[in-house]
Amino acid sequence: MTDDLKSKDLAMQVQKKILGKMASKNFSKLLIDERTSEILDELYKILKDHKNKKTAAKVIKDLMKIMIKIGVLQRNERFTPEERKCAEQLHSKTRYTALTIVSFYEVEFTFDKYVLSKQITEGRNLLHKLVTQHLKSKSKERINSIFDLLSDVEFLDTMFKPSGPYRSQLEIIATRIKELLDNDIL
């Protein structure tokens, strides 16, 4: 029986490693639904312009790696009951943050960069709590770099400017998020 558990652990580690290595844009379309893929594409465009191409590519690739690894852990039922509760809290926080993003986009003069930054940071904290026993320090560093950038108030301010350079990308992001919410995918 213990040999079974060891082989399952090894198989899961291999899955995480292989899928993490394969987190390219084209491969991700096999694992991620079309709406999520469009959100990531638009986020890439914003990050590429706001930062640079290398940073944008790294953030999106790291984000996909983390999403895939969490999916592998969930699919292999590796979370403890306490971690599953944390996953439910993370899901609720993600949904609430998604609703906030849509609302900030749709309702003029409601955007508050500090509120959104705080929600994103709280999501990061829940994500760390969820994966602390499962992911290596490199993956945890990826989480920090992703969330540091996405929760940056200056970045958020630029992204949500009503007449700013990213309004068309934000429109697509908000529309796709709303579709994910309406279809109970998010």
Protein backbone atom coordinates (compact mmCIF):
# COMPACT_ATOMS: atom_id res chain seq x y z
CA MET A 1 0.00 0.00 0.00
CA THR A 2 2.78 2.47 0.83
CA ASP A 3 4.44 1.62 -2.51
CA ASP A 4 1.17 2.62 -4.21
CA LEU A 5 1.21 5.98 -2.48
CA LYS A 6 4.82 6.57 -3.45
CA SER A 7 4.09 5.79 -7.10
CA LYS A 8 1.08 8.12 -7.01
CA ASP A 9 3.24 10.86 -5.52
CA LEU A 10 5.87 10.29 -8.17
CA ALA A 11 3.28 10.27 -10.95
CA MET A 12 1.83 13.55 -9.70
CA GLN A 13 5.29 15.14 -9.52
CA VAL A 14 5.98 14.04 -13.08
CA GLN A 15 2.62 15.44 -14.25
CA LYS A 16 3.32 18.80 -12.59
CA LYS A 17 6.82 18.91 -14.06
CA ILE A 18 5.81 17.93 -17.60
CA LEU A 19 2.77 20.16 -17.74
CA GLY A 20 4.74 23.02 -16.19
CA LYS A 21 7.38 22.67 -18.91
CA MET A 22 4.71 22.59 -21.60
CA ALA A 23 3.00 25.80 -20.49
CA SER A 24 3.33 27.49 -23.86
CA LYS A 25 0.70 29.65 -25.50
CA ASN A 26 -0.37 27.00 -28.02
CA PHE A 27 -0.36 24.11 -25.54
CA SER A 28 -2.36 26.13 -23.03
CA LYS A 29 -5.26 26.32 -25.47
CA LEU A 30 -5.66 22.57 -25.00
CA LEU A 31 -5.93 22.96 -21.22
CA ILE A 32 -7.60 26.35 -20.81
CA ASP A 33 -11.00 27.32 -22.17
CA GLU A 34 -11.32 29.91 -24.94
CA ARG A 35 -12.53 32.76 -22.70
CA THR A 36 -9.67 32.33 -20.23
CA SER A 37 -7.24 32.14 -23.11
CA GLU A 38 -8.58 35.44 -24.47
CA ILE A 39 -8.21 37.05 -21.03
CA LEU A 40 -4.59 35.90 -20.87
CA ASP A 41 -3.96 37.16 -24.44
CA GLU A 42 -5.30 40.62 -23.59
CA LEU A 43 -3.39 40.72 -20.31
CA TYR A 44 -0.26 39.84 -22.28
CA LYS A 45 -0.86 42.80 -24.62
CA ILE A 46 -1.26 45.16 -21.68
CA LEU A 47 1.81 43.85 -19.88
CA LYS A 48 3.87 43.95 -23.07
CA ASP A 49 3.09 47.63 -23.52
CA HIS A 50 3.21 48.56 -19.84
CA LYS A 51 6.44 46.66 -19.07
CA ASN A 52 8.09 44.79 -21.93
CA LYS A 53 7.69 41.67 -24.07
CA LYS A 54 9.97 39.51 -21.88
CA THR A 55 8.15 40.40 -18.64
CA ALA A 56 4.74 39.92 -20.26
CA ALA A 57 5.67 36.48 -21.60
CA LYS A 58 7.15 35.43 -18.23
CA VAL A 59 4.07 36.53 -16.25
CA ILE A 60 1.64 34.73 -18.57
CA LYS A 61 3.78 31.58 -18.69
CA ASP A 62 4.20 31.58 -14.90
CA LEU A 63 0.47 32.14 -14.44
CA MET A 64 -0.31 29.18 -16.70
CA LYS A 65 2.22 26.99 -14.85
CA ILE A 66 0.61 27.78 -11.51
CA MET A 67 -2.90 27.19 -12.88
CA ILE A 68 -1.82 23.84 -14.34
CA LYS A 69 -0.06 22.70 -11.16
CA ILE A 70 -3.08 23.54 -9.02
CA GLY A 71 -5.26 21.67 -11.49
CA VAL A 72 -3.01 18.61 -11.22
CA LEU A 73 -3.12 18.76 -7.43
CA GLN A 74 -6.90 19.11 -7.45
CA ARG A 75 -7.42 16.36 -10.02
CA ASN A 76 -5.24 14.01 -7.98
CA GLU A 77 -7.14 14.94 -4.79
CA ARG A 78 -3.98 16.04 -3.00
CA PHE A 79 -5.58 18.74 -0.87
CA THR A 80 -6.41 18.06 2.76
CA PRO A 81 -9.88 18.94 4.09
CA GLU A 82 -8.44 22.18 5.49
CA GLU A 83 -6.82 22.99 2.15
CA ARG A 84 -10.11 22.27 0.36
CA LYS A 85 -11.76 24.87 2.61
CA CYS A 86 -8.96 27.25 1.66
CA ALA A 87 -9.58 26.42 -2.02
CA GLU A 88 -13.26 27.31 -1.54
CA GLN A 89 -12.23 30.62 0.07
CA LEU A 90 -9.85 31.26 -2.83
CA HIS A 91 -12.62 30.51 -5.31
CA SER A 92 -14.95 32.93 -3.50
CA LYS A 93 -12.24 35.61 -3.37
CA THR A 94 -11.46 35.10 -7.07
CA ARG A 95 -15.14 35.36 -7.95
CA TYR A 96 -15.56 38.50 -5.81
CA THR A 97 -12.46 40.08 -7.39
CA ALA A 98 -13.75 39.18 -10.86
CA LEU A 99 -17.09 40.85 -10.07
CA THR A 100 -15.19 43.89 -8.84
CA ILE A 101 -13.17 44.10 -12.06
CA VAL A 102 -16.33 43.91 -14.16
CA SER A 103 -18.06 46.51 -11.99
CA PHE A 104 -15.08 48.88 -12.10
CA TYR A 105 -15.05 48.58 -15.89
CA GLU A 106 -18.80 48.99 -16.40
CA VAL A 107 -19.58 51.74 -13.88
CA GLU A 108 -17.67 54.95 -14.46
CA PHE A 109 -15.95 56.70 -11.57
CA THR A 110 -16.15 53.65 -9.27
CA PHE A 111 -12.62 52.38 -9.79
CA ASP A 112 -10.52 52.28 -6.63
CA LYS A 113 -6.99 50.99 -7.19
CA TYR A 114 -6.47 50.35 -3.49
CA VAL A 115 -9.58 48.20 -3.15
CA LEU A 116 -8.65 46.08 -6.17
CA SER A 117 -5.01 45.82 -5.09
CA LYS A 118 -6.09 44.63 -1.65
CA GLN A 119 -8.41 42.00 -3.13
CA ILE A 120 -5.65 40.70 -5.40
CA THR A 121 -3.22 40.57 -2.47
CA GLU A 122 -5.76 38.68 -0.35
CA GLY A 123 -6.12 36.21 -3.22
CA ARG A 124 -2.35 35.73 -3.27
CA ASN A 125 -2.34 35.02 0.47
CA LEU A 126 -5.06 32.39 0.08
CA LEU A 127 -3.23 30.84 -2.85
CA HIS A 128 -0.03 30.58 -0.81
CA LYS A 129 -1.97 29.00 2.05
CA LEU A 130 -3.42 26.47 -0.40
CA VAL A 131 -0.15 25.42 -2.03
CA THR A 132 2.33 25.84 0.81
CA GLN A 133 2.70 22.07 1.35
CA HIS A 134 2.62 21.16 -2.36
CA LEU A 135 4.73 23.52 -4.44
CA LYS A 136 8.43 24.24 -4.34
CA SER A 137 9.89 27.63 -3.50
CA LYS A 138 10.39 28.45 -7.20
CA SER A 139 6.65 28.12 -7.83
CA LYS A 140 5.91 30.21 -4.74
CA GLU A 141 8.28 32.89 -6.09
CA ARG A 142 6.36 32.79 -9.37
CA ILE A 143 3.14 33.42 -7.46
CA ASN A 144 4.74 36.42 -5.74
CA SER A 145 6.07 37.93 -8.96
CA ILE A 146 2.71 37.53 -10.72
CA PHE A 147 0.71 39.00 -7.86
CA ASP A 148 3.24 41.76 -7.17
CA LEU A 149 2.75 43.02 -10.70
CA LEU A 150 -1.01 42.53 -10.89
CA SER A 151 -1.65 44.19 -7.52
CA ASP A 152 0.61 47.19 -8.23
CA VAL A 153 -1.61 50.26 -7.77
CA GLU A 154 0.13 52.26 -10.51
CA PHE A 155 -0.33 49.39 -12.97
CA LEU A 156 -4.00 49.07 -12.00
CA ASP A 157 -4.50 52.83 -12.28
CA THR A 158 -3.07 52.86 -15.79
CA MET A 159 -5.02 49.78 -16.83
CA PHE A 160 -8.39 51.10 -15.65
CA LYS A 161 -8.08 54.70 -16.89
CA PRO A 162 -11.35 55.43 -18.72
CA SER A 163 -9.57 57.08 -21.65
CA GLY A 164 -6.32 55.16 -21.14
CA PRO A 165 -4.34 53.13 -23.64
CA TYR A 166 -5.68 49.78 -22.41
CA ARG A 167 -9.40 50.45 -22.59
CA SER A 168 -10.02 48.11 -25.53
CA GLN A 169 -8.08 45.26 -23.89
CA LEU A 170 -9.86 45.88 -20.60
CA GLU A 171 -13.20 45.73 -22.40
CA ILE A 172 -12.39 42.25 -23.72
CA ILE A 173 -11.09 41.12 -20.32
CA ALA A 174 -14.20 42.42 -18.51
CA THR A 175 -16.52 40.89 -21.12
CA ARG A 176 -14.85 37.47 -20.93
CA ILE A 177 -14.80 37.57 -17.13
CA LYS A 178 -18.50 38.41 -17.12
CA GLU A 179 -19.17 35.44 -19.43
CA LEU A 180 -17.22 33.14 -17.11
CA LEU A 181 -19.24 34.45 -14.15
CA ASP A 182 -22.58 34.17 -15.98
CA ASN A 183 -21.82 30.57 -16.93
CA ASP A 184 -20.69 29.68 -13.37
CA ILE A 185 -17.22 28.76 -14.65
CA LEU A 186 -15.67 31.29 -12.31
